[in-house]
Amino acid sequence: MATSRPEGYNISLTIGGKTLLGRTQEDLSIAAVTKTSITKDDQGVQQEQVVRHDVTFKVAALLSIDDSTSTHTKLDRDDVIALALATGSSAVVAVQYLCTGGATYGGNAIITGYSESSSGDVDSDATISLDLKITGDFAAVTNGNG
């Protein structure tokens, strides 16, 4: 069986079918949430059971504005701020996490944080950071459809 090691640029998070313009990093975190129980049958030994998983993403990108007149194919700073400020059902976005040669995972998420960073240093780029949390299931999808 052959082993592949995709380069980082072959891994991407899409939000509503689009990646962030100027993205530099995408981090996935999956944490088990457990429930502790004990019954008399357990003879004093606590039992742990996984009841769900908290799935979060952190995305970093260069601050970019797409001022082209054509249809945007990527999310720029203004698109991301609009998503971050959404409320109610409009705040839920479809996401897919893709890795060349691996499975694609999908689900719905909410944006839990957005930040921008800039400095007066001529050699520094302004950056944005976006935090997302999966709401509900996050599972492998088939045929690229989530």
N, C-alpha and C. Protein backbone atom coordinates (compact mmCIF):
# COMPACT_ATOMS: atom_id res chain seq x y z
N MET A 1 0.84 -1.18 0.00
CA MET A 1 0.00 0.00 0.00
C MET A 1 0.89 1.24 0.00
N ALA A 2 0.64 2.15 -0.92
CA ALA A 2 1.42 3.37 -1.03
C ALA A 2 0.96 4.40 0.00
N THR A 3 1.91 5.18 0.46
CA THR A 3 1.62 6.24 1.41
C THR A 3 1.87 7.57 0.73
N SER A 4 0.92 8.49 0.89
CA SER A 4 1.12 9.83 0.33
C SER A 4 1.17 10.83 1.48
N ARG A 5 1.91 11.90 1.26
CA ARG A 5 2.02 12.97 2.24
C ARG A 5 1.73 14.28 1.53
N PRO A 6 0.45 14.67 1.48
CA PRO A 6 0.09 15.90 0.77
C PRO A 6 0.77 17.13 1.37
N GLU A 7 1.17 18.03 0.52
CA GLU A 7 1.72 19.31 0.96
C GLU A 7 0.58 20.15 1.55
N GLY A 8 0.93 21.09 2.40
CA GLY A 8 -0.07 21.91 3.07
C GLY A 8 -1.01 22.65 2.13
N TYR A 9 -0.53 23.04 0.96
CA TYR A 9 -1.39 23.77 0.03
C TYR A 9 -2.44 22.86 -0.61
N ASN A 10 -2.34 21.55 -0.40
CA ASN A 10 -3.33 20.61 -0.91
C ASN A 10 -4.45 20.34 0.10
N ILE A 11 -4.45 21.08 1.19
CA ILE A 11 -5.49 20.94 2.21
C ILE A 11 -6.22 22.28 2.29
N SER A 12 -7.55 22.23 2.26
CA SER A 12 -8.28 23.49 2.28
C SER A 12 -9.63 23.35 2.98
N LEU A 13 -10.05 24.45 3.57
CA LEU A 13 -11.37 24.57 4.16
C LEU A 13 -12.17 25.50 3.26
N THR A 14 -13.32 25.04 2.81
CA THR A 14 -14.19 25.92 2.04
C THR A 14 -15.38 26.32 2.91
N ILE A 15 -15.79 27.55 2.74
CA ILE A 15 -16.95 28.10 3.45
C ILE A 15 -17.94 28.52 2.39
N GLY A 16 -19.08 27.86 2.36
CA GLY A 16 -20.05 28.15 1.30
C GLY A 16 -19.47 27.88 -0.08
N GLY A 17 -18.58 26.91 -0.19
CA GLY A 17 -18.00 26.54 -1.47
C GLY A 17 -16.80 27.37 -1.90
N LYS A 18 -16.35 28.31 -1.04
CA LYS A 18 -15.23 29.18 -1.40
C LYS A 18 -14.15 29.12 -0.33
N THR A 19 -12.89 29.25 -0.75
CA THR A 19 -11.79 29.38 0.20
C THR A 19 -11.55 30.86 0.47
N LEU A 20 -10.78 31.14 1.52
CA LEU A 20 -10.41 32.53 1.80
C LEU A 20 -9.32 32.97 0.84
N LEU A 21 -9.43 34.17 0.36
CA LEU A 21 -8.42 34.78 -0.50
C LEU A 21 -7.17 35.04 0.34
N GLY A 22 -6.02 34.58 -0.13
CA GLY A 22 -4.76 34.82 0.57
C GLY A 22 -4.54 33.95 1.79
N ARG A 23 -5.24 32.81 1.87
CA ARG A 23 -5.12 31.97 3.07
C ARG A 23 -3.70 31.45 3.23
N THR A 24 -3.26 31.37 4.47
CA THR A 24 -1.91 30.90 4.78
C THR A 24 -1.92 29.69 5.69
N GLN A 25 -3.01 29.48 6.43
CA GLN A 25 -3.04 28.35 7.35
C GLN A 25 -4.48 28.00 7.70
N GLU A 26 -4.73 26.69 7.83
CA GLU A 26 -6.03 26.20 8.28
C GLU A 26 -5.77 25.11 9.31
N ASP A 27 -6.32 25.28 10.51
CA ASP A 27 -6.12 24.32 11.59
C ASP A 27 -7.45 23.66 11.93
N LEU A 28 -7.44 22.35 12.02
CA LEU A 28 -8.60 21.56 12.43
C LEU A 28 -8.33 21.00 13.81
N SER A 29 -9.32 21.09 14.69
CA SER A 29 -9.20 20.51 16.03
C SER A 29 -10.47 19.70 16.32
N ILE A 30 -10.27 18.45 16.73
CA ILE A 30 -11.38 17.58 17.12
C ILE A 30 -11.13 17.14 18.55
N ALA A 31 -12.06 17.47 19.45
CA ALA A 31 -11.91 17.13 20.86
C ALA A 31 -13.12 16.31 21.31
N ALA A 32 -12.84 15.17 21.92
CA ALA A 32 -13.92 14.32 22.43
C ALA A 32 -14.52 14.95 23.68
N VAL A 33 -15.83 14.93 23.76
CA VAL A 33 -16.55 15.34 24.96
C VAL A 33 -17.06 14.06 25.61
N THR A 34 -16.67 13.86 26.85
CA THR A 34 -17.00 12.59 27.51
C THR A 34 -17.97 12.80 28.66
N LYS A 35 -18.60 11.71 29.02
CA LYS A 35 -19.49 11.68 30.17
C LYS A 35 -18.95 10.62 31.12
N THR A 36 -18.80 10.99 32.37
CA THR A 36 -18.32 10.06 33.37
C THR A 36 -19.51 9.49 34.12
N SER A 37 -19.49 8.19 34.30
CA SER A 37 -20.57 7.57 35.07
C SER A 37 -19.99 6.45 35.93
N ILE A 38 -20.77 6.08 36.89
CA ILE A 38 -20.39 4.95 37.74
C ILE A 38 -21.67 4.31 38.25
N THR A 39 -21.69 3.02 38.17
CA THR A 39 -22.82 2.26 38.73
C THR A 39 -22.27 1.27 39.75
N LYS A 40 -23.13 0.68 40.48
CA LYS A 40 -22.70 -0.32 41.46
C LYS A 40 -22.03 -1.49 40.76
N ASP A 41 -22.48 -1.80 39.55
CA ASP A 41 -21.87 -2.90 38.78
C ASP A 41 -20.44 -2.59 38.37
N ASP A 42 -20.06 -1.31 38.35
CA ASP A 42 -18.70 -0.92 37.97
C ASP A 42 -17.71 -1.13 39.12
N GLN A 43 -18.18 -1.52 40.27
CA GLN A 43 -17.35 -1.83 41.45
C GLN A 43 -16.37 -0.69 41.78
N GLY A 44 -16.88 0.54 41.74
CA GLY A 44 -16.08 1.69 42.14
C GLY A 44 -15.19 2.27 41.06
N VAL A 45 -15.23 1.72 39.87
CA VAL A 45 -14.39 2.20 38.78
C VAL A 45 -15.24 3.08 37.86
N GLN A 46 -14.81 4.36 37.72
CA GLN A 46 -15.55 5.28 36.85
C GLN A 46 -15.43 4.84 35.40
N GLN A 47 -16.49 5.05 34.65
CA GLN A 47 -16.53 4.73 33.23
C GLN A 47 -16.62 6.02 32.43
N GLU A 48 -15.89 6.10 31.34
CA GLU A 48 -15.92 7.26 30.43
C GLU A 48 -16.56 6.83 29.12
N GLN A 49 -17.41 7.70 28.62
CA GLN A 49 -18.06 7.42 27.34
C GLN A 49 -18.03 8.70 26.51
N VAL A 50 -17.63 8.56 25.25
CA VAL A 50 -17.63 9.72 24.34
C VAL A 50 -19.07 9.97 23.92
N VAL A 51 -19.55 11.19 24.17
CA VAL A 51 -20.94 11.53 23.84
C VAL A 51 -21.04 12.40 22.58
N ARG A 52 -19.96 13.11 22.26
CA ARG A 52 -19.93 13.90 21.04
C ARG A 52 -18.50 14.42 20.84
N HIS A 53 -18.32 15.15 19.77
CA HIS A 53 -17.01 15.77 19.51
C HIS A 53 -17.20 17.26 19.24
N ASP A 54 -16.33 18.07 19.81
CA ASP A 54 -16.29 19.49 19.47
C ASP A 54 -15.28 19.63 18.34
N VAL A 55 -15.74 20.14 17.20
CA VAL A 55 -14.90 20.31 16.02
C VAL A 55 -14.79 21.80 15.74
N THR A 56 -13.55 22.29 15.70
CA THR A 56 -13.33 23.71 15.44
C THR A 56 -12.25 23.89 14.37
N PHE A 57 -12.30 25.03 13.73
CA PHE A 57 -11.30 25.41 12.74
C PHE A 57 -10.78 26.79 13.07
N LYS A 58 -9.53 27.03 12.73
CA LYS A 58 -8.93 28.36 12.79
C LYS A 58 -8.28 28.56 11.42
N VAL A 59 -8.61 29.66 10.78
CA VAL A 59 -8.09 29.97 9.45
C VAL A 59 -7.36 31.30 9.51
N ALA A 60 -6.18 31.34 8.94
CA ALA A 60 -5.40 32.58 8.86
C ALA A 60 -5.19 32.92 7.39
N ALA A 61 -5.20 34.21 7.10
CA ALA A 61 -5.01 34.65 5.71
C ALA A 61 -4.41 36.05 5.70
N LEU A 62 -3.80 36.38 4.59
CA LEU A 62 -3.38 37.76 4.37
C LEU A 62 -4.64 38.58 4.15
N LEU A 63 -4.70 39.76 4.71
CA LEU A 63 -5.85 40.62 4.51
C LEU A 63 -5.90 40.99 3.03
N SER A 64 -6.97 40.60 2.36
CA SER A 64 -7.09 40.81 0.92
C SER A 64 -8.47 41.35 0.59
N ILE A 65 -8.51 42.29 -0.34
CA ILE A 65 -9.76 42.84 -0.85
C ILE A 65 -9.81 42.50 -2.34
N ASP A 66 -10.89 41.84 -2.74
CA ASP A 66 -11.06 41.49 -4.16
C ASP A 66 -11.89 42.59 -4.79
N ASP A 67 -11.23 43.50 -5.51
CA ASP A 67 -11.94 44.62 -6.13
C ASP A 67 -12.20 44.38 -7.61
N SER A 68 -12.12 43.12 -8.04
CA SER A 68 -12.42 42.81 -9.44
C SER A 68 -13.91 42.94 -9.68
N THR A 69 -14.26 43.18 -10.91
CA THR A 69 -15.68 43.31 -11.24
C THR A 69 -16.31 41.96 -11.58
N SER A 70 -15.48 40.93 -11.72
CA SER A 70 -16.02 39.60 -12.01
C SER A 70 -16.55 38.96 -10.73
N THR A 71 -17.20 37.84 -10.89
CA THR A 71 -17.75 37.13 -9.75
C THR A 71 -16.62 36.66 -8.84
N HIS A 72 -16.78 36.90 -7.56
CA HIS A 72 -15.77 36.46 -6.60
C HIS A 72 -15.75 34.93 -6.54
N THR A 73 -14.57 34.34 -6.64
CA THR A 73 -14.43 32.89 -6.49
C THR A 73 -13.85 32.53 -5.14
N LYS A 74 -13.40 33.55 -4.39
CA LYS A 74 -12.85 33.35 -3.05
C LYS A 74 -13.45 34.40 -2.11
N LEU A 75 -13.40 34.12 -0.83
CA LEU A 75 -13.90 35.06 0.16
C LEU A 75 -12.81 36.07 0.51
N ASP A 76 -13.11 37.36 0.40
CA ASP A 76 -12.13 38.37 0.80
C ASP A 76 -12.51 38.90 2.19
N ARG A 77 -11.77 39.89 2.65
CA ARG A 77 -11.98 40.45 3.99
C ARG A 77 -13.42 40.88 4.21
N ASP A 78 -13.99 41.62 3.26
CA ASP A 78 -15.34 42.13 3.44
C ASP A 78 -16.38 41.00 3.47
N ASP A 79 -16.18 39.96 2.66
CA ASP A 79 -17.08 38.80 2.69
C ASP A 79 -17.04 38.13 4.06
N VAL A 80 -15.84 37.97 4.60
CA VAL A 80 -15.67 37.28 5.88
C VAL A 80 -16.27 38.09 7.03
N ILE A 81 -16.09 39.41 7.00
CA ILE A 81 -16.70 40.25 8.05
C ILE A 81 -18.22 40.13 7.99
N ALA A 82 -18.79 40.14 6.80
CA ALA A 82 -20.25 40.00 6.67
C ALA A 82 -20.71 38.66 7.25
N LEU A 83 -19.97 37.58 6.97
CA LEU A 83 -20.32 36.27 7.53
C LEU A 83 -20.19 36.27 9.05
N ALA A 84 -19.13 36.91 9.56
CA ALA A 84 -18.91 36.94 11.00
C ALA A 84 -19.99 37.74 11.74
N LEU A 85 -20.57 38.73 11.08
CA LEU A 85 -21.60 39.57 11.70
C LEU A 85 -23.01 39.01 11.55
N ALA A 86 -23.17 37.93 10.78
CA ALA A 86 -24.49 37.34 10.56
C ALA A 86 -25.06 36.79 11.86
N THR A 87 -26.39 36.80 11.95
CA THR A 87 -27.07 36.28 13.13
C THR A 87 -28.16 35.30 12.69
N GLY A 88 -28.71 34.57 13.66
CA GLY A 88 -29.78 33.63 13.38
C GLY A 88 -29.34 32.55 12.40
N SER A 89 -30.28 32.10 11.58
CA SER A 89 -29.96 31.02 10.63
C SER A 89 -28.97 31.48 9.57
N SER A 90 -28.86 32.78 9.35
CA SER A 90 -27.88 33.30 8.38
C SER A 90 -26.45 33.13 8.87
N ALA A 91 -26.28 32.88 10.18
CA ALA A 91 -24.93 32.71 10.73
C ALA A 91 -24.38 31.31 10.50
N VAL A 92 -25.21 30.39 10.05
CA VAL A 92 -24.78 29.01 9.81
C VAL A 92 -24.27 28.90 8.37
N VAL A 93 -23.04 28.42 8.22
CA VAL A 93 -22.43 28.29 6.90
C VAL A 93 -22.04 26.84 6.66
N ALA A 94 -22.16 26.40 5.41
CA ALA A 94 -21.73 25.06 5.03
C ALA A 94 -20.22 25.07 4.84
N VAL A 95 -19.54 24.08 5.42
CA VAL A 95 -18.10 23.98 5.27
C VAL A 95 -17.71 22.59 4.76
N GLN A 96 -16.60 22.56 4.03
CA GLN A 96 -16.00 21.29 3.64
C GLN A 96 -14.50 21.40 3.87
N TYR A 97 -13.93 20.30 4.34
CA TYR A 97 -12.49 20.22 4.59
C TYR A 97 -11.93 19.18 3.65
N LEU A 98 -11.07 19.61 2.74
CA LEU A 98 -10.56 18.75 1.68
C LEU A 98 -9.07 18.52 1.81
N CYS A 99 -8.66 17.31 1.48
CA CYS A 99 -7.24 16.97 1.44
C CYS A 99 -7.02 16.10 0.20
N THR A 100 -6.15 16.54 -0.69
CA THR A 100 -5.86 15.79 -1.90
C THR A 100 -5.48 14.36 -1.53
N GLY A 101 -6.16 13.38 -2.12
CA GLY A 101 -5.89 11.98 -1.85
C GLY A 101 -6.61 11.43 -0.64
N GLY A 102 -7.26 12.27 0.12
CA GLY A 102 -7.98 11.83 1.32
C GLY A 102 -9.46 12.13 1.21
N ALA A 103 -10.19 11.77 2.24
CA ALA A 103 -11.63 12.01 2.26
C ALA A 103 -11.92 13.50 2.45
N THR A 104 -13.08 13.91 1.97
CA THR A 104 -13.59 15.26 2.21
C THR A 104 -14.61 15.16 3.33
N TYR A 105 -14.51 16.07 4.30
CA TYR A 105 -15.45 16.09 5.42
C TYR A 105 -16.28 17.35 5.34
N GLY A 106 -17.53 17.26 5.74
CA GLY A 106 -18.40 18.42 5.65
C GLY A 106 -19.37 18.52 6.81
N GLY A 107 -19.92 19.71 6.95
CA GLY A 107 -20.91 19.97 7.98
C GLY A 107 -21.30 21.43 7.95
N ASN A 108 -22.03 21.85 8.95
CA ASN A 108 -22.41 23.25 9.11
C ASN A 108 -21.63 23.84 10.26
N ALA A 109 -21.31 25.12 10.14
CA ALA A 109 -20.52 25.78 11.17
C ALA A 109 -21.04 27.18 11.43
N ILE A 110 -20.63 27.72 12.56
CA ILE A 110 -20.85 29.14 12.86
C ILE A 110 -19.49 29.78 13.08
N ILE A 111 -19.39 31.02 12.73
CA ILE A 111 -18.15 31.76 12.94
C ILE A 111 -18.18 32.30 14.37
N THR A 112 -17.23 31.85 15.17
CA THR A 112 -17.20 32.24 16.58
C THR A 112 -16.22 33.37 16.86
N GLY A 113 -15.41 33.73 15.87
CA GLY A 113 -14.46 34.81 16.08
C GLY A 113 -13.83 35.27 14.78
N TYR A 114 -13.55 36.55 14.73
CA TYR A 114 -12.86 37.16 13.59
C TYR A 114 -11.92 38.22 14.14
N SER A 115 -10.71 38.27 13.61
CA SER A 115 -9.80 39.33 14.02
C SER A 115 -8.90 39.74 12.86
N GLU A 116 -8.44 40.99 12.93
CA GLU A 116 -7.49 41.52 11.97
C GLU A 116 -6.26 41.97 12.74
N SER A 117 -5.11 41.85 12.11
CA SER A 117 -3.88 42.31 12.73
C SER A 117 -3.07 43.07 11.70
N SER A 118 -2.60 44.24 12.11
CA SER A 118 -1.76 45.04 11.22
C SER A 118 -0.75 45.80 12.06
N SER A 119 0.33 46.19 11.43
CA SER A 119 1.34 46.99 12.13
C SER A 119 1.84 48.07 11.18
N GLY A 120 2.60 48.99 11.72
CA GLY A 120 3.18 50.06 10.91
C GLY A 120 4.46 49.65 10.20
N ASP A 121 4.92 48.44 10.45
CA ASP A 121 6.16 47.94 9.85
C ASP A 121 5.96 47.73 8.36
N VAL A 122 6.82 48.32 7.56
CA VAL A 122 6.71 48.24 6.11
C VAL A 122 6.87 46.81 5.60
N ASP A 123 7.53 45.94 6.36
CA ASP A 123 7.74 44.57 5.93
C ASP A 123 6.66 43.62 6.42
N SER A 124 5.67 44.12 7.13
CA SER A 124 4.62 43.26 7.68
C SER A 124 3.37 43.32 6.83
N ASP A 125 2.74 42.18 6.66
CA ASP A 125 1.46 42.10 5.97
C ASP A 125 0.34 42.17 7.00
N ALA A 126 -0.75 42.80 6.65
CA ALA A 126 -1.94 42.75 7.48
C ALA A 126 -2.56 41.36 7.31
N THR A 127 -3.06 40.80 8.40
CA THR A 127 -3.63 39.46 8.36
C THR A 127 -5.01 39.43 8.98
N ILE A 128 -5.75 38.38 8.66
CA ILE A 128 -7.03 38.13 9.30
C ILE A 128 -7.00 36.72 9.89
N SER A 129 -7.84 36.51 10.87
CA SER A 129 -7.98 35.20 11.50
C SER A 129 -9.46 34.94 11.73
N LEU A 130 -9.86 33.72 11.46
CA LEU A 130 -11.26 33.34 11.55
C LEU A 130 -11.38 32.06 12.35
N ASP A 131 -12.30 32.02 13.32
CA ASP A 131 -12.56 30.83 14.12
C ASP A 131 -13.96 30.32 13.80
N LEU A 132 -14.07 29.02 13.58
CA LEU A 132 -15.36 28.40 13.28
C LEU A 132 -15.59 27.20 14.18
N LYS A 133 -16.85 26.92 14.48
CA LYS A 133 -17.23 25.76 15.27
C LYS A 133 -18.32 25.00 14.52
N ILE A 134 -18.10 23.70 14.38
CA ILE A 134 -19.09 22.86 13.71
C ILE A 134 -20.32 22.73 14.60
N THR A 135 -21.49 22.86 13.99
CA THR A 135 -22.75 22.66 14.70
C THR A 135 -23.39 21.40 14.12
N GLY A 136 -23.51 20.38 14.91
CA GLY A 136 -24.08 19.13 14.41
C GLY A 136 -22.99 18.20 13.92
N ASP A 137 -23.34 17.39 12.93
CA ASP A 137 -22.43 16.36 12.44
C ASP A 137 -21.34 16.93 11.55
N PHE A 138 -20.17 16.33 11.64
CA PHE A 138 -19.04 16.60 10.76
C PHE A 138 -18.57 15.24 10.31
N ALA A 139 -18.83 14.92 9.05
CA ALA A 139 -18.60 13.56 8.58
C ALA A 139 -18.09 13.56 7.14
N ALA A 140 -17.53 12.41 6.74
CA ALA A 140 -17.07 12.25 5.37
C ALA A 140 -18.26 12.39 4.43
N VAL A 141 -18.03 13.08 3.32
CA VAL A 141 -19.08 13.26 2.33
C VAL A 141 -18.69 12.49 1.07
N THR A 142 -19.68 12.17 0.26
CA THR A 142 -19.42 11.44 -0.98
C THR A 142 -19.64 12.35 -2.17
N ASN A 143 -18.87 12.13 -3.21
CA ASN A 143 -18.98 12.88 -4.46
C ASN A 143 -18.85 14.38 -4.27
N GLY A 144 -18.14 14.80 -3.23
CA GLY A 144 -17.90 16.23 -3.01
C GLY A 144 -19.12 17.00 -2.55
N ASN A 145 -20.22 16.32 -2.23
CA ASN A 145 -21.44 17.00 -1.77
C ASN A 145 -21.60 16.81 -0.28
N GLY A 146 -21.86 17.91 0.42
CA GLY A 146 -21.97 17.85 1.88
C GLY A 146 -23.33 17.84 2.39
